[in-house]
Structures are given as C-alpha cells and as structure tokens.
N, C-alpha and C. Protein backbone atom coordinates (compact mmCIF):
# COMPACT_ATOMS: atom_id res chain seq x y z
N UNK A 1 129.76 89.32 100.08
CA UNK A 1 128.68 88.49 99.55
C UNK A 1 127.52 88.46 100.53
N UNK A 2 126.34 88.82 100.08
CA UNK A 2 125.16 88.77 100.93
C UNK A 2 124.53 87.39 100.84
N UNK A 3 124.08 86.91 101.98
CA UNK A 3 123.43 85.61 101.99
C UNK A 3 122.07 85.70 101.34
N UNK A 4 121.72 84.71 100.54
CA UNK A 4 120.41 84.64 99.90
C UNK A 4 119.42 84.07 100.91
N UNK A 5 118.59 84.92 101.47
CA UNK A 5 117.66 84.48 102.51
C UNK A 5 116.42 83.80 101.93
N UNK A 6 116.17 84.01 100.66
CA UNK A 6 114.99 83.41 100.02
C UNK A 6 115.41 82.68 98.75
N UNK A 7 116.17 81.61 98.88
CA UNK A 7 116.70 80.93 97.69
C UNK A 7 115.63 80.31 96.81
N UNK A 8 114.44 80.07 97.36
CA UNK A 8 113.37 79.45 96.58
C UNK A 8 112.45 80.47 95.91
N UNK A 9 112.70 81.75 96.13
CA UNK A 9 111.82 82.77 95.58
C UNK A 9 112.01 82.89 94.07
N UNK A 10 110.92 82.89 93.34
CA UNK A 10 110.94 83.06 91.89
C UNK A 10 109.65 83.77 91.49
N UNK A 11 109.64 85.08 91.63
CA UNK A 11 108.43 85.86 91.41
C UNK A 11 107.92 85.71 89.98
N UNK A 12 108.83 85.62 89.02
CA UNK A 12 108.39 85.54 87.63
C UNK A 12 107.62 84.26 87.35
N UNK A 13 107.79 83.24 88.18
CA UNK A 13 107.02 82.01 88.02
C UNK A 13 105.54 82.23 88.35
N UNK A 14 105.24 83.37 89.00
CA UNK A 14 103.86 83.69 89.37
C UNK A 14 103.15 84.53 88.30
N UNK A 15 103.80 84.76 87.18
CA UNK A 15 103.28 85.72 86.20
C UNK A 15 101.88 85.38 85.69
N UNK A 16 101.55 84.11 85.62
CA UNK A 16 100.23 83.74 85.09
C UNK A 16 99.10 84.11 86.05
N UNK A 17 99.45 84.45 87.28
CA UNK A 17 98.43 84.84 88.26
C UNK A 17 98.16 86.34 88.24
N UNK A 18 98.90 87.10 87.43
CA UNK A 18 98.70 88.54 87.37
C UNK A 18 97.75 88.89 86.24
N UNK A 19 97.09 90.03 86.34
CA UNK A 19 96.27 90.48 85.23
C UNK A 19 97.18 90.97 84.09
N UNK A 20 96.61 91.13 82.92
CA UNK A 20 97.41 91.43 81.73
C UNK A 20 98.21 92.71 81.87
N UNK A 21 97.60 93.77 82.39
CA UNK A 21 98.30 95.05 82.49
C UNK A 21 99.47 94.95 83.46
N UNK A 22 99.25 94.31 84.60
CA UNK A 22 100.33 94.14 85.58
C UNK A 22 101.46 93.31 85.00
N UNK A 23 101.11 92.22 84.34
CA UNK A 23 102.13 91.34 83.75
C UNK A 23 102.97 92.09 82.72
N UNK A 24 102.32 92.89 81.89
CA UNK A 24 103.04 93.63 80.86
C UNK A 24 104.03 94.62 81.48
N UNK A 25 103.59 95.36 82.50
CA UNK A 25 104.45 96.36 83.13
C UNK A 25 105.66 95.70 83.80
N UNK A 26 105.42 94.62 84.53
CA UNK A 26 106.51 93.98 85.27
C UNK A 26 107.49 93.30 84.33
N UNK A 27 107.00 92.63 83.31
CA UNK A 27 107.91 91.96 82.39
C UNK A 27 108.72 92.96 81.58
N UNK A 28 108.16 94.14 81.33
CA UNK A 28 108.93 95.19 80.66
C UNK A 28 110.15 95.59 81.49
N UNK A 29 110.00 95.61 82.81
CA UNK A 29 111.12 95.97 83.68
C UNK A 29 112.28 94.98 83.55
N UNK A 30 111.97 93.76 83.17
CA UNK A 30 112.99 92.72 83.06
C UNK A 30 113.52 92.61 81.63
N UNK A 31 112.62 92.61 80.66
CA UNK A 31 113.01 92.25 79.30
C UNK A 31 113.04 93.41 78.31
N UNK A 32 112.52 94.56 78.68
CA UNK A 32 112.48 95.70 77.75
C UNK A 32 113.13 96.93 78.38
N UNK A 33 114.34 96.76 78.86
CA UNK A 33 115.06 97.87 79.48
C UNK A 33 115.39 98.90 78.40
N UNK A 34 115.05 100.17 78.61
CA UNK A 34 115.28 101.18 77.57
C UNK A 34 116.76 101.49 77.38
N UNK A 35 117.09 101.93 76.19
CA UNK A 35 118.44 102.39 75.91
C UNK A 35 118.61 103.82 76.42
N UNK A 36 119.84 104.17 76.71
CA UNK A 36 120.12 105.54 77.13
C UNK A 36 119.89 106.49 75.96
N UNK A 37 119.15 107.55 76.23
CA UNK A 37 118.87 108.55 75.21
C UNK A 37 119.13 109.97 75.70
N UNK A 38 118.93 110.20 76.98
CA UNK A 38 118.97 111.58 77.50
C UNK A 38 120.37 112.00 77.92
N UNK A 39 121.05 111.19 78.73
CA UNK A 39 122.36 111.56 79.26
C UNK A 39 123.48 111.22 78.29
N UNK A 40 124.49 112.09 78.22
CA UNK A 40 125.66 111.77 77.41
C UNK A 40 126.53 110.75 78.15
N UNK A 41 127.62 110.34 77.53
CA UNK A 41 128.44 109.25 78.09
C UNK A 41 129.01 109.62 79.46
N UNK A 42 129.39 110.87 79.62
CA UNK A 42 129.98 111.28 80.90
C UNK A 42 128.94 111.25 82.02
N UNK A 43 127.79 111.86 81.76
CA UNK A 43 126.73 111.87 82.77
C UNK A 43 126.24 110.45 83.06
N UNK A 44 126.23 109.62 82.04
CA UNK A 44 125.80 108.22 82.21
C UNK A 44 126.74 107.49 83.16
N UNK A 45 128.05 107.70 83.00
CA UNK A 45 129.02 107.05 83.89
C UNK A 45 128.84 107.53 85.33
N UNK A 46 128.55 108.83 85.49
CA UNK A 46 128.33 109.38 86.83
C UNK A 46 127.09 108.77 87.46
N UNK A 47 126.02 108.66 86.67
CA UNK A 47 124.77 108.11 87.17
C UNK A 47 124.94 106.64 87.55
N UNK A 48 125.62 105.88 86.73
CA UNK A 48 125.86 104.46 87.03
C UNK A 48 126.65 104.30 88.33
N UNK A 49 127.66 105.16 88.51
CA UNK A 49 128.46 105.11 89.74
C UNK A 49 127.61 105.46 90.95
N UNK A 50 126.74 106.45 90.82
CA UNK A 50 125.86 106.82 91.92
C UNK A 50 124.91 105.69 92.28
N UNK A 51 124.32 105.07 91.27
CA UNK A 51 123.40 103.95 91.53
C UNK A 51 124.11 102.82 92.26
N UNK A 52 125.35 102.54 91.88
CA UNK A 52 126.09 101.46 92.51
C UNK A 52 126.45 101.79 93.95
N UNK A 53 126.62 103.08 94.25
CA UNK A 53 126.87 103.48 95.65
C UNK A 53 125.63 103.30 96.51
N UNK A 54 124.49 103.68 95.98
CA UNK A 54 123.27 103.65 96.78
C UNK A 54 122.72 102.24 96.90
N UNK A 55 122.75 101.48 95.81
CA UNK A 55 122.29 100.09 95.85
C UNK A 55 123.37 99.21 95.22
N UNK A 56 124.39 98.84 95.98
CA UNK A 56 125.45 97.99 95.43
C UNK A 56 124.89 96.64 94.96
N UNK A 57 125.34 96.22 93.79
CA UNK A 57 124.86 94.95 93.26
C UNK A 57 125.99 94.03 92.84
N UNK A 58 127.18 94.28 93.37
CA UNK A 58 128.31 93.43 93.01
C UNK A 58 128.15 91.99 93.43
N UNK A 59 127.25 91.72 94.41
CA UNK A 59 127.04 90.35 94.87
C UNK A 59 126.13 89.57 93.94
N UNK A 60 125.50 90.25 93.00
CA UNK A 60 124.56 89.60 92.10
C UNK A 60 125.24 89.11 90.82
N UNK A 61 124.80 87.99 90.26
CA UNK A 61 125.25 87.63 88.91
C UNK A 61 124.85 88.72 87.92
N UNK A 62 125.60 88.86 86.85
CA UNK A 62 125.32 89.91 85.87
C UNK A 62 123.87 89.86 85.38
N UNK A 63 123.36 88.66 85.16
CA UNK A 63 122.01 88.54 84.60
C UNK A 63 120.91 88.70 85.64
N UNK A 64 121.28 89.01 86.90
CA UNK A 64 120.27 89.22 87.95
C UNK A 64 120.41 90.60 88.58
N UNK A 65 121.11 91.51 87.91
CA UNK A 65 121.24 92.86 88.44
C UNK A 65 120.08 93.72 87.94
N UNK A 66 119.61 94.55 88.83
CA UNK A 66 118.45 95.39 88.52
C UNK A 66 118.91 96.64 87.78
N UNK A 67 118.42 96.86 86.56
CA UNK A 67 118.80 98.09 85.84
C UNK A 67 118.08 99.29 86.43
N UNK A 68 118.83 100.27 86.88
CA UNK A 68 118.24 101.45 87.50
C UNK A 68 118.49 102.69 86.64
N UNK A 69 119.75 102.92 86.28
CA UNK A 69 120.10 104.12 85.52
C UNK A 69 119.33 104.25 84.20
N UNK A 70 119.11 103.16 83.43
CA UNK A 70 118.37 103.33 82.18
C UNK A 70 116.94 103.85 82.38
N UNK A 71 116.31 103.48 83.48
CA UNK A 71 114.95 103.93 83.72
C UNK A 71 114.92 105.39 84.17
N UNK A 72 115.95 105.82 84.89
CA UNK A 72 116.05 107.24 85.23
C UNK A 72 116.25 108.05 83.95
N UNK A 73 117.13 107.56 83.09
CA UNK A 73 117.37 108.22 81.80
C UNK A 73 116.07 108.30 80.99
N UNK A 74 115.31 107.21 80.95
CA UNK A 74 114.07 107.18 80.17
C UNK A 74 113.06 108.18 80.70
N UNK A 75 112.99 108.31 82.01
CA UNK A 75 112.05 109.26 82.60
C UNK A 75 112.46 110.70 82.28
N UNK A 76 113.75 110.96 82.35
CA UNK A 76 114.23 112.30 81.98
C UNK A 76 113.97 112.57 80.51
N UNK A 77 114.17 111.58 79.67
CA UNK A 77 113.96 111.75 78.24
C UNK A 77 112.50 112.03 77.93
N UNK A 78 111.61 111.39 78.68
CA UNK A 78 110.18 111.59 78.45
C UNK A 78 109.66 112.87 79.10
N UNK A 79 110.47 113.49 79.95
CA UNK A 79 110.04 114.72 80.61
C UNK A 79 109.09 114.49 81.76
N UNK A 80 109.11 113.27 82.32
CA UNK A 80 108.19 112.95 83.40
C UNK A 80 108.56 113.64 84.71
N UNK A 81 107.55 114.08 85.44
CA UNK A 81 107.74 114.71 86.75
C UNK A 81 106.76 114.10 87.74
N UNK A 82 107.07 114.24 89.03
CA UNK A 82 106.12 113.85 90.06
C UNK A 82 104.95 114.82 90.08
N UNK A 83 103.94 114.47 90.85
CA UNK A 83 102.78 115.34 90.96
C UNK A 83 102.98 116.47 91.94
N UNK A 84 104.18 116.60 92.48
CA UNK A 84 104.48 117.69 93.40
C UNK A 84 105.91 118.13 93.17
N UNK A 85 106.24 119.34 93.66
CA UNK A 85 107.63 119.81 93.57
C UNK A 85 107.85 120.84 94.67
N UNK A 86 109.00 120.74 95.33
CA UNK A 86 109.36 121.75 96.32
C UNK A 86 109.64 123.07 95.62
N UNK A 87 109.34 124.17 96.31
CA UNK A 87 109.48 125.46 95.65
C UNK A 87 110.92 125.86 95.39
N UNK A 88 111.88 125.17 96.04
CA UNK A 88 113.28 125.49 95.79
C UNK A 88 113.97 124.42 94.95
N UNK A 89 113.17 123.55 94.32
CA UNK A 89 113.73 122.49 93.48
C UNK A 89 113.24 122.64 92.04
N UNK A 90 114.11 122.32 91.07
CA UNK A 90 113.69 122.35 89.67
C UNK A 90 112.94 121.08 89.31
N UNK A 91 112.50 120.99 88.06
CA UNK A 91 111.87 119.77 87.57
C UNK A 91 112.86 118.62 87.52
N UNK A 92 112.33 117.43 87.25
CA UNK A 92 113.15 116.21 87.33
C UNK A 92 114.35 116.23 86.40
N UNK A 93 114.14 116.66 85.16
CA UNK A 93 115.25 116.70 84.20
C UNK A 93 116.40 117.56 84.71
N UNK A 94 116.06 118.79 85.09
CA UNK A 94 117.11 119.71 85.54
C UNK A 94 117.72 119.24 86.86
N UNK A 95 116.90 118.65 87.72
CA UNK A 95 117.43 118.15 88.99
C UNK A 95 118.49 117.09 88.76
N UNK A 96 118.22 116.17 87.84
CA UNK A 96 119.22 115.14 87.57
C UNK A 96 120.44 115.69 86.84
N UNK A 97 120.21 116.51 85.84
CA UNK A 97 121.34 117.07 85.09
C UNK A 97 122.26 117.88 86.00
N UNK A 98 121.67 118.74 86.82
CA UNK A 98 122.47 119.57 87.73
C UNK A 98 123.08 118.73 88.85
N UNK A 99 122.33 117.78 89.37
CA UNK A 99 122.84 116.95 90.46
C UNK A 99 124.05 116.13 90.05
N UNK A 100 124.02 115.55 88.86
CA UNK A 100 125.17 114.79 88.38
C UNK A 100 126.37 115.70 88.17
N UNK A 101 126.12 116.90 87.68
CA UNK A 101 127.20 117.88 87.54
C UNK A 101 127.76 118.24 88.92
N UNK A 102 126.86 118.39 89.89
CA UNK A 102 127.29 118.70 91.25
C UNK A 102 128.14 117.61 91.87
N UNK A 103 127.83 116.35 91.57
CA UNK A 103 128.66 115.25 92.06
C UNK A 103 130.10 115.41 91.60
N UNK A 104 130.28 115.76 90.34
CA UNK A 104 131.63 115.97 89.82
C UNK A 104 132.31 117.16 90.48
N UNK A 105 131.56 118.25 90.67
CA UNK A 105 132.16 119.43 91.30
C UNK A 105 132.63 119.13 92.71
N UNK A 106 131.82 118.44 93.48
CA UNK A 106 132.22 118.09 94.84
C UNK A 106 133.37 117.10 94.83
N UNK A 107 133.34 116.15 93.89
CA UNK A 107 134.43 115.17 93.78
C UNK A 107 135.76 115.86 93.48
N UNK A 108 135.72 116.85 92.60
CA UNK A 108 136.95 117.58 92.26
C UNK A 108 137.43 118.40 93.45
N UNK A 109 136.49 118.97 94.20
CA UNK A 109 136.88 119.77 95.37
C UNK A 109 137.54 118.90 96.43
N UNK A 110 137.09 117.65 96.56
CA UNK A 110 137.60 116.77 97.61
C UNK A 110 138.77 115.90 97.17
N UNK A 111 138.73 115.47 95.88
CA UNK A 111 139.72 114.49 95.44
C UNK A 111 140.40 114.82 94.13
N UNK A 112 139.95 115.87 93.45
CA UNK A 112 140.60 116.28 92.21
C UNK A 112 140.27 115.44 91.01
N UNK A 113 139.22 114.62 91.10
CA UNK A 113 138.83 113.76 89.97
C UNK A 113 137.32 113.74 89.82
N UNK A 114 136.86 113.22 88.67
CA UNK A 114 135.42 113.05 88.46
C UNK A 114 134.88 112.00 89.41
N UNK A 115 133.59 112.10 89.72
CA UNK A 115 132.96 111.18 90.66
C UNK A 115 133.11 109.72 90.21
N UNK A 116 132.91 109.45 88.92
CA UNK A 116 132.97 108.08 88.42
C UNK A 116 134.38 107.48 88.50
N UNK A 117 135.40 108.34 88.61
CA UNK A 117 136.78 107.86 88.66
C UNK A 117 137.25 107.53 90.08
N UNK A 118 136.45 107.88 91.08
CA UNK A 118 136.87 107.71 92.47
C UNK A 118 136.69 106.28 92.94
N UNK A 119 137.44 105.91 93.97
CA UNK A 119 137.20 104.62 94.61
C UNK A 119 135.97 104.75 95.51
N UNK A 120 135.53 103.62 96.05
CA UNK A 120 134.28 103.62 96.80
C UNK A 120 134.29 104.59 97.97
N UNK A 121 135.32 104.56 98.78
CA UNK A 121 135.32 105.40 99.97
C UNK A 121 135.33 106.89 99.61
N UNK A 122 136.03 107.25 98.54
CA UNK A 122 136.03 108.65 98.11
C UNK A 122 134.65 109.06 97.59
N UNK A 123 133.96 108.14 96.92
CA UNK A 123 132.59 108.44 96.49
C UNK A 123 131.68 108.65 97.69
N UNK A 124 131.84 107.81 98.71
CA UNK A 124 131.01 107.96 99.91
C UNK A 124 131.29 109.29 100.61
N UNK A 125 132.53 109.75 100.55
CA UNK A 125 132.85 111.03 101.13
C UNK A 125 132.09 112.15 100.42
N UNK A 126 132.03 112.06 99.10
CA UNK A 126 131.26 113.04 98.32
C UNK A 126 129.79 113.00 98.72
N UNK A 127 129.24 111.81 98.82
CA UNK A 127 127.82 111.68 99.11
C UNK A 127 127.49 112.10 100.54
N UNK A 128 128.41 111.86 101.46
CA UNK A 128 128.19 112.33 102.82
C UNK A 128 128.13 113.85 102.89
N UNK A 129 129.00 114.51 102.11
CA UNK A 129 129.00 115.98 102.08
C UNK A 129 127.67 116.50 101.52
N UNK A 130 127.15 115.83 100.49
CA UNK A 130 125.86 116.23 99.92
C UNK A 130 124.74 115.97 100.91
N UNK A 131 124.75 114.80 101.52
CA UNK A 131 123.74 114.44 102.52
C UNK A 131 123.71 115.44 103.68
N UNK A 132 124.88 115.87 104.09
CA UNK A 132 124.98 116.78 105.24
C UNK A 132 124.79 118.24 104.86
N UNK A 133 124.64 118.52 103.56
CA UNK A 133 124.40 119.89 103.13
C UNK A 133 125.62 120.77 103.12
N UNK A 134 126.82 120.17 103.06
CA UNK A 134 128.05 120.96 103.10
C UNK A 134 128.88 120.74 101.84
N UNK A 135 128.25 120.25 100.77
CA UNK A 135 128.98 119.94 99.55
C UNK A 135 129.48 121.20 98.87
N UNK A 136 130.71 121.15 98.39
CA UNK A 136 131.27 122.25 97.62
C UNK A 136 130.89 122.11 96.15
N UNK A 137 130.77 123.26 95.48
CA UNK A 137 130.42 123.26 94.06
C UNK A 137 129.36 124.29 93.77
N UNK A 138 129.48 124.95 92.62
CA UNK A 138 128.53 125.99 92.23
C UNK A 138 127.09 125.47 92.14
N UNK A 139 126.96 124.21 91.71
CA UNK A 139 125.61 123.65 91.55
C UNK A 139 124.84 123.72 92.85
N UNK A 140 125.51 123.42 93.95
CA UNK A 140 124.81 123.32 95.23
C UNK A 140 124.42 124.68 95.81
N UNK A 141 124.80 125.76 95.13
CA UNK A 141 124.33 127.08 95.56
C UNK A 141 122.92 127.36 95.04
N UNK A 142 122.54 126.65 94.00
CA UNK A 142 121.19 126.84 93.46
C UNK A 142 120.32 125.60 93.62
N UNK A 143 120.92 124.47 93.95
CA UNK A 143 120.20 123.21 94.13
C UNK A 143 120.46 122.71 95.55
N UNK A 144 119.43 122.66 96.40
CA UNK A 144 119.64 122.26 97.79
C UNK A 144 120.18 120.83 97.89
N UNK A 145 121.41 120.65 98.35
CA UNK A 145 122.03 119.32 98.28
C UNK A 145 121.31 118.26 99.10
N UNK A 146 120.88 118.61 100.30
CA UNK A 146 120.22 117.60 101.13
C UNK A 146 118.88 117.19 100.53
N UNK A 147 118.17 118.12 99.96
CA UNK A 147 116.88 117.80 99.35
C UNK A 147 117.09 116.99 98.08
N UNK A 148 118.10 117.33 97.31
CA UNK A 148 118.39 116.54 96.12
C UNK A 148 118.75 115.12 96.51
N UNK A 149 119.55 114.97 97.55
CA UNK A 149 119.96 113.65 98.00
C UNK A 149 118.75 112.79 98.40
N UNK A 150 117.85 113.38 99.18
CA UNK A 150 116.74 112.61 99.72
C UNK A 150 115.64 112.37 98.69
N UNK A 151 115.24 113.43 97.98
CA UNK A 151 114.04 113.34 97.16
C UNK A 151 114.30 113.05 95.68
N UNK A 152 115.54 113.15 95.25
CA UNK A 152 115.87 112.80 93.87
C UNK A 152 116.70 111.51 93.85
N UNK A 153 117.91 111.57 94.39
CA UNK A 153 118.81 110.42 94.30
C UNK A 153 118.28 109.21 95.06
N UNK A 154 118.11 109.34 96.38
CA UNK A 154 117.66 108.19 97.17
C UNK A 154 116.29 107.70 96.76
N UNK A 155 115.36 108.63 96.66
CA UNK A 155 113.97 108.26 96.41
C UNK A 155 113.80 107.53 95.08
N UNK A 156 114.41 108.04 94.04
CA UNK A 156 114.21 107.43 92.73
C UNK A 156 115.02 106.14 92.55
N UNK A 157 116.24 106.14 93.03
CA UNK A 157 117.08 104.95 92.83
C UNK A 157 116.55 103.77 93.62
N UNK A 158 116.23 103.98 94.90
CA UNK A 158 115.70 102.86 95.68
C UNK A 158 114.30 102.48 95.21
N UNK A 159 113.53 103.48 94.78
CA UNK A 159 112.19 103.18 94.28
C UNK A 159 112.22 102.28 93.06
N UNK A 160 113.11 102.56 92.14
CA UNK A 160 113.24 101.72 90.94
C UNK A 160 113.77 100.33 91.29
N UNK A 161 114.70 100.28 92.23
CA UNK A 161 115.26 98.99 92.61
C UNK A 161 114.18 98.07 93.18
N UNK A 162 113.41 98.59 94.12
CA UNK A 162 112.43 97.74 94.79
C UNK A 162 111.12 97.61 94.02
N UNK A 163 111.07 98.16 92.82
CA UNK A 163 109.94 97.91 91.92
C UNK A 163 110.24 96.77 90.96
N UNK A 164 111.41 96.16 91.10
CA UNK A 164 111.84 95.13 90.16
C UNK A 164 111.69 93.73 90.77
N UNK A 165 111.26 92.76 89.99
CA UNK A 165 111.05 91.42 90.54
C UNK A 165 112.30 90.75 91.09
N UNK A 166 113.49 91.10 90.59
CA UNK A 166 114.70 90.51 91.18
C UNK A 166 114.91 90.98 92.61
N UNK A 167 114.57 92.24 92.88
CA UNK A 167 114.64 92.75 94.25
C UNK A 167 113.56 92.10 95.11
N UNK A 168 112.41 91.82 94.53
CA UNK A 168 111.35 91.14 95.29
C UNK A 168 111.82 89.75 95.72
N UNK A 169 112.50 89.05 94.83
CA UNK A 169 113.05 87.75 95.20
C UNK A 169 114.02 87.88 96.37
N UNK A 170 114.79 88.94 96.36
CA UNK A 170 115.80 89.14 97.40
C UNK A 170 115.19 89.36 98.78
N UNK A 171 114.03 90.01 98.85
CA UNK A 171 113.42 90.32 100.14
C UNK A 171 112.23 89.41 100.47
N UNK A 172 111.94 88.46 99.58
CA UNK A 172 110.86 87.53 99.85
C UNK A 172 109.46 88.08 99.63
N UNK A 173 109.35 89.16 98.84
CA UNK A 173 108.04 89.73 98.54
C UNK A 173 107.33 88.85 97.51
N UNK A 174 106.07 88.58 97.75
CA UNK A 174 105.34 87.66 96.88
C UNK A 174 104.80 88.25 95.61
N UNK A 175 105.03 89.54 95.37
CA UNK A 175 104.58 90.15 94.14
C UNK A 175 103.12 90.57 94.19
N UNK A 176 102.57 91.05 93.07
CA UNK A 176 101.19 91.52 93.05
C UNK A 176 100.21 90.41 93.44
N UNK A 177 99.26 90.74 94.27
CA UNK A 177 98.26 89.75 94.70
C UNK A 177 97.00 89.79 93.84
N UNK A 178 96.84 90.89 93.07
CA UNK A 178 95.65 91.01 92.23
C UNK A 178 95.84 90.15 90.98
N UNK A 179 94.84 89.42 90.51
CA UNK A 179 93.44 89.42 90.98
C UNK A 179 93.10 88.31 91.98
N UNK A 180 94.04 87.45 92.35
CA UNK A 180 93.67 86.34 93.23
C UNK A 180 93.46 86.79 94.67
N UNK A 181 94.06 87.93 95.06
CA UNK A 181 93.83 88.48 96.39
C UNK A 181 94.67 87.82 97.46
N UNK A 182 94.58 88.39 98.63
CA UNK A 182 95.32 87.86 99.78
C UNK A 182 94.48 86.81 100.50
N UNK A 183 95.14 85.74 100.92
CA UNK A 183 94.46 84.64 101.61
C UNK A 183 94.86 84.54 103.07
N UNK A 184 96.12 84.86 103.38
CA UNK A 184 96.65 84.64 104.73
C UNK A 184 96.35 85.83 105.62
N UNK A 185 95.10 86.00 105.99
CA UNK A 185 94.70 87.12 106.82
C UNK A 185 94.89 86.75 108.29
N UNK A 186 96.10 86.40 108.64
CA UNK A 186 96.38 85.92 109.99
C UNK A 186 97.68 86.53 110.51
N UNK A 187 97.61 87.83 110.80
CA UNK A 187 98.69 88.52 111.49
C UNK A 187 100.03 88.46 110.73
N UNK A 188 99.98 88.72 109.45
CA UNK A 188 101.22 88.83 108.69
C UNK A 188 101.85 87.54 108.24
N UNK A 189 101.17 86.44 108.35
CA UNK A 189 101.73 85.17 107.87
C UNK A 189 101.89 85.23 106.36
N UNK A 190 102.88 84.52 105.81
CA UNK A 190 103.10 84.58 104.36
C UNK A 190 101.96 83.92 103.58
N UNK A 191 101.80 84.39 102.37
CA UNK A 191 100.84 83.77 101.47
C UNK A 191 101.35 82.40 101.03
N UNK A 192 100.46 81.53 100.56
CA UNK A 192 100.91 80.20 100.13
C UNK A 192 101.96 80.24 99.03
N UNK A 193 101.92 81.28 98.19
CA UNK A 193 102.85 81.35 97.06
C UNK A 193 104.15 82.07 97.41
N UNK A 194 104.25 82.63 98.59
CA UNK A 194 105.46 83.36 98.96
C UNK A 194 106.55 82.43 99.47
N UNK A 195 107.80 82.76 99.12
CA UNK A 195 108.94 81.96 99.58
C UNK A 195 109.15 82.15 101.07
N UNK A 196 109.65 81.12 101.72
CA UNK A 196 109.95 81.20 103.15
C UNK A 196 111.41 81.53 103.35
N UNK A 197 111.68 82.38 104.34
CA UNK A 197 113.05 82.72 104.64
C UNK A 197 113.78 81.50 105.19
N UNK A 198 115.00 81.30 104.70
CA UNK A 198 115.80 80.16 105.13
C UNK A 198 116.83 80.64 106.15
N UNK A 199 116.72 80.20 107.39
CA UNK A 199 117.70 80.64 108.41
C UNK A 199 119.06 80.04 108.14
N UNK A 200 120.06 80.76 108.54
CA UNK A 200 121.44 80.29 108.42
C UNK A 200 122.01 80.15 109.82
N UNK A 201 122.03 78.94 110.33
CA UNK A 201 122.47 78.71 111.70
C UNK A 201 123.94 79.06 111.88
N UNK A 202 124.69 79.01 110.79
CA UNK A 202 126.13 79.26 110.89
C UNK A 202 126.49 80.71 110.64
N UNK A 203 125.48 81.56 110.45
CA UNK A 203 125.75 82.96 110.14
C UNK A 203 126.50 83.62 111.30
N UNK A 204 127.67 84.24 111.04
CA UNK A 204 128.43 84.86 112.12
C UNK A 204 127.70 86.03 112.74
N UNK A 205 127.92 86.24 114.01
CA UNK A 205 127.30 87.35 114.72
C UNK A 205 127.90 88.66 114.24
N UNK A 206 127.03 89.64 113.97
CA UNK A 206 127.50 90.93 113.49
C UNK A 206 128.13 91.71 114.65
N UNK A 207 129.21 92.44 114.38
CA UNK A 207 129.79 93.27 115.44
C UNK A 207 128.83 94.36 115.84
N UNK A 208 128.80 94.68 117.11
CA UNK A 208 127.88 95.71 117.61
C UNK A 208 128.40 97.09 117.21
N UNK A 209 127.47 98.01 117.02
CA UNK A 209 127.80 99.39 116.69
C UNK A 209 127.42 100.27 117.87
N UNK A 210 128.33 101.10 118.36
CA UNK A 210 127.99 101.97 119.50
C UNK A 210 126.76 102.80 119.22
N UNK A 211 125.94 102.99 120.22
CA UNK A 211 124.72 103.78 120.07
C UNK A 211 125.06 105.17 119.55
N UNK A 212 124.33 105.57 118.51
CA UNK A 212 124.51 106.91 117.96
C UNK A 212 125.64 107.01 116.95
N UNK A 213 126.36 105.90 116.72
CA UNK A 213 127.46 105.95 115.76
C UNK A 213 126.89 106.02 114.35
N UNK A 214 127.50 106.81 113.45
CA UNK A 214 127.00 106.90 112.08
C UNK A 214 127.31 105.65 111.31
N UNK A 215 126.49 105.38 110.30
CA UNK A 215 126.77 104.28 109.38
C UNK A 215 128.10 104.55 108.70
N UNK A 216 128.93 103.52 108.50
CA UNK A 216 130.24 103.76 107.90
C UNK A 216 130.15 104.30 106.47
N UNK A 217 128.97 104.22 105.87
CA UNK A 217 128.87 104.74 104.51
C UNK A 217 127.95 105.96 104.50
N UNK A 218 126.74 105.78 103.97
CA UNK A 218 125.91 106.96 103.72
C UNK A 218 124.46 106.71 104.08
N UNK A 219 124.20 105.82 104.99
CA UNK A 219 122.84 105.38 105.22
C UNK A 219 121.88 106.43 105.73
N UNK A 220 122.34 107.46 106.42
CA UNK A 220 121.44 108.46 106.99
C UNK A 220 120.98 109.43 105.91
N UNK A 221 119.72 109.34 105.53
CA UNK A 221 119.22 110.20 104.44
C UNK A 221 118.80 111.58 104.94
N UNK A 222 118.46 111.67 106.24
CA UNK A 222 118.00 112.94 106.81
C UNK A 222 116.95 113.60 105.95
C-alpha cells in the first residue's frame, strides 16, 4: 500500500477554471473511456498485464484506477502515429501487435506459458530480458526489443498514466493553469489551488540499496 501524500488533492474540483477545450479533453479521460476495438481478447489480456507491470495500481480503489490499455487500443484502432519513427521500427499499430506477440514468445521460452498467465516475478523476468535486449522469440529478430521497451511500452504507458487527473492527484500536480495562469512565481512554491504534501512522521525508514545495485524489478529503461 502506497501512502497518499496528497490526501486533499482533487483536480476535478478545479474544472471550472479550465477553458472549454481543456475541460472536454480531460473529462473524456475520466468519463468517456473507449471500448476495446483493435486488440482481440488474447492480446488485450497481454496488454493489461503489461500495463499493470509498468504502472501497478493494486493500491488504488477500483473507481480510481487510471485506464491505460483502452487508450492504447483506441490509438491503434485510429491508426495514430507519432511525428517521428526510428528507421528500424514499424508504425505504432505493428509495433504494439508484434510487441505483445513477442511478450508471449519470450514468456514461453522462459516459463512455458503466456505472459498474462505468469506471476509477477516471472513477468518481470520477461521484461528484464526485453529491456536488456536478450529476449528470445522470433518477433525480436525484426523488432528491436530495447527500443520497443523504451519508446513504445514505457513511453506510451507512463505517458497515458500521467496524463490522467487521478495520477495528478497522486503526485500533487495542480492541473492546467490556463487561462488563470501561474501566480506563485517564487522559486517553485505551490500555487494557491495546489494540494500540499502531508508528511508522515511515522513512515518507516526505507532499507538502503547498495550503490549500483539494479532495481529488483524493471526500473532501468536504458
């Protein structure tokens, strides 16, 4: 269970201070989550498992979890791409379709099961192999695993998560400042409408990690 450092944060209560276009876009992220259209049931389960590995949300109530996989599906369905592409990477649709297939291939090579069927530590083992560029599977012979990990999986999943107002509440971000603008031009002090972090005097001291030791999961994106 993660401690709620900003228990008073309620970004949606600020909605009347946003312009119409901003308000519409942000409220859509909360109330108009798209249905899955592009991925089949198997790929959907793989994508959901991947999202939960990269941004675990088990500490959140069901009604406060940030939907990530549906927005990835919607972007693939619409055929959306970034304004750039590496010369050894396919477009977004193919990158996701092949990458999810690659997760299963590596999972079978390491554990003999589909990625979505694995326990957490076995999933992290798969993701570490992809991150390190040593993943087994035919997909990774044509799709650079480390680049897929950094620029497709990590970039899109975390980007969608931190574009959502529930994640803003979690980190104490005050949301869009337009059109009222910023007032606290004093060396990073919070705005009047931003929640203040609540210290926890009883919070236990975290165990130290030896210098240079890897994260126990998959934090190094390289």
